């Protein structure tokens, strides 16, 4: 019985990871197709995808390694 619970939990976790991967892939492809990576995210899904992947948009006001424009 314990093994059955472990297998069910493992399958559930694998399904959640697969759904997240597919959602990230779709969102990345959509942003790339729109060529919208240089601007702010349009939807909350785009914002979440950028946060998980680690993509940030730099403003012209941001300083790079201490130098200012």
C-alpha atoms as a PDB file:
ATOM      1  CA  UNK A   1       0.000   0.000   0.000  1.00  0.00           C
ATOM      2  CA  UNK A   2       2.840   2.394   0.812  1.00  0.00           C
ATOM      3  CA  UNK A   3       4.437   1.778  -2.578  1.00  0.00           C
ATOM      4  CA  UNK A   4       1.180   2.595  -4.316  1.00  0.00           C
ATOM      5  CA  UNK A   5       0.980   5.954  -2.529  1.00  0.00           C
ATOM      6  CA  UNK A   6       4.591   6.738  -3.461  1.00  0.00           C
ATOM      7  CA  UNK A   7       3.994   5.832  -7.110  1.00  0.00           C
ATOM      8  CA  UNK A   8       0.818   7.952  -7.265  1.00  0.00           C
ATOM      9  CA  UNK A   9       2.603  10.940  -5.693  1.00  0.00           C
ATOM     10  CA  UNK A  10       5.535  10.538  -8.080  1.00  0.00           C
ATOM     11  CA  UNK A  11       3.209  10.431 -11.087  1.00  0.00           C
ATOM     12  CA  UNK A  12       1.336  13.480  -9.817  1.00  0.00           C
ATOM     13  CA  UNK A  13       4.578  15.402  -9.341  1.00  0.00           C
ATOM     14  CA  UNK A  14       5.765  14.386 -12.813  1.00  0.00           C
ATOM     15  CA  UNK A  15       2.481  15.592 -14.325  1.00  0.00           C
ATOM     16  CA  UNK A  16       2.766  18.963 -12.550  1.00  0.00           C
ATOM     17  CA  UNK A  17       6.347  19.413 -13.765  1.00  0.00           C
ATOM     18  CA  UNK A  18       5.344  18.483 -17.319  1.00  0.00           C
ATOM     19  CA  UNK A  19       2.450  20.970 -17.335  1.00  0.00           C
ATOM     20  CA  UNK A  20       4.731  23.735 -16.023  1.00  0.00           C
ATOM     21  CA  UNK A  21       7.340  22.931 -18.671  1.00  0.00           C
ATOM     22  CA  UNK A  22       4.756  23.052 -21.456  1.00  0.00           C
ATOM     23  CA  UNK A  23       3.337  26.354 -20.163  1.00  0.00           C
ATOM     24  CA  UNK A  24       6.837  27.875 -20.015  1.00  0.00           C
ATOM     25  CA  UNK A  25       7.660  26.647 -23.500  1.00  0.00           C
ATOM     26  CA  UNK A  26       4.445  28.071 -24.959  1.00  0.00           C
ATOM     27  CA  UNK A  27       4.979  31.420 -23.246  1.00  0.00           C
ATOM     28  CA  UNK A  28       8.616  31.686 -24.365  1.00  0.00           C
ATOM     29  CA  UNK A  29       7.663  30.845 -27.944  1.00  0.00           C
ATOM     30  CA  UNK A  30       4.828  33.380 -27.895  1.00  0.00           C
ATOM     31  CA  UNK A  31       7.104  36.165 -26.606  1.00  0.00           C
ATOM     32  CA  UNK A  32       9.797  35.274 -29.117  1.00  0.00           C
ATOM     33  CA  UNK A  33       7.297  35.259 -31.982  1.00  0.00           C
ATOM     34  CA  UNK A  34       6.007  38.706 -30.970  1.00  0.00           C
ATOM     35  CA  UNK A  35       9.593  39.924 -30.522  1.00  0.00           C
ATOM     36  CA  UNK A  36       8.452  41.400 -27.218  1.00  0.00           C
ATOM     37  CA  UNK A  37      11.405  40.396 -25.053  1.00  0.00           C
ATOM     38  CA  UNK A  38      12.887  43.895 -25.095  1.00  0.00           C
ATOM     39  CA  UNK A  39       9.790  45.490 -23.554  1.00  0.00           C
ATOM     40  CA  UNK A  40       7.801  44.923 -20.383  1.00  0.00           C
ATOM     41  CA  UNK A  41       5.766  41.692 -20.146  1.00  0.00           C
ATOM     42  CA  UNK A  42       2.218  41.978 -21.515  1.00  0.00           C
ATOM     43  CA  UNK A  43       0.489  39.349 -19.386  1.00  0.00           C
ATOM     44  CA  UNK A  44       0.940  37.798 -15.982  1.00  0.00           C
ATOM     45  CA  UNK A  45       1.977  34.534 -17.661  1.00  0.00           C
ATOM     46  CA  UNK A  46       4.729  36.395 -19.517  1.00  0.00           C
ATOM     47  CA  UNK A  47       5.835  37.999 -16.258  1.00  0.00           C
ATOM     48  CA  UNK A  48       5.908  34.653 -14.448  1.00  0.00           C
ATOM     49  CA  UNK A  49       7.827  33.038 -17.292  1.00  0.00           C
ATOM     50  CA  UNK A  50      10.444  35.779 -17.268  1.00  0.00           C
ATOM     51  CA  UNK A  51      10.801  35.482 -13.512  1.00  0.00           C
ATOM     52  CA  UNK A  52      11.277  31.696 -13.645  1.00  0.00           C
ATOM     53  CA  UNK A  53      13.684  31.824 -16.580  1.00  0.00           C
ATOM     54  CA  UNK A  54      15.578  34.825 -15.214  1.00  0.00           C
ATOM     55  CA  UNK A  55      15.034  37.241 -18.101  1.00  0.00           C
ATOM     56  CA  UNK A  56      15.045  40.899 -17.082  1.00  0.00           C
ATOM     57  CA  UNK A  57      14.592  44.038 -19.133  1.00  0.00           C
ATOM     58  CA  UNK A  58      17.112  46.725 -18.353  1.00  0.00           C
ATOM     59  CA  UNK A  59      16.017  50.350 -18.418  1.00  0.00           C
ATOM     60  CA  UNK A  60      18.252  53.004 -19.915  1.00  0.00           C
ATOM     61  CA  UNK A  61      18.379  54.600 -16.455  1.00  0.00           C
ATOM     62  CA  UNK A  62      19.933  51.505 -14.862  1.00  0.00           C
ATOM     63  CA  UNK A  63      23.615  51.688 -14.186  1.00  0.00           C
ATOM     64  CA  UNK A  64      25.884  48.918 -15.377  1.00  0.00           C
ATOM     65  CA  UNK A  65      28.703  48.057 -12.968  1.00  0.00           C
ATOM     66  CA  UNK A  66      28.700  51.525 -11.440  1.00  0.00           C
ATOM     67  CA  UNK A  67      28.828  53.520 -14.685  1.00  0.00           C
ATOM     68  CA  UNK A  68      26.018  55.859 -15.601  1.00  0.00           C
ATOM     69  CA  UNK A  69      25.053  57.092 -19.040  1.00  0.00           C
END
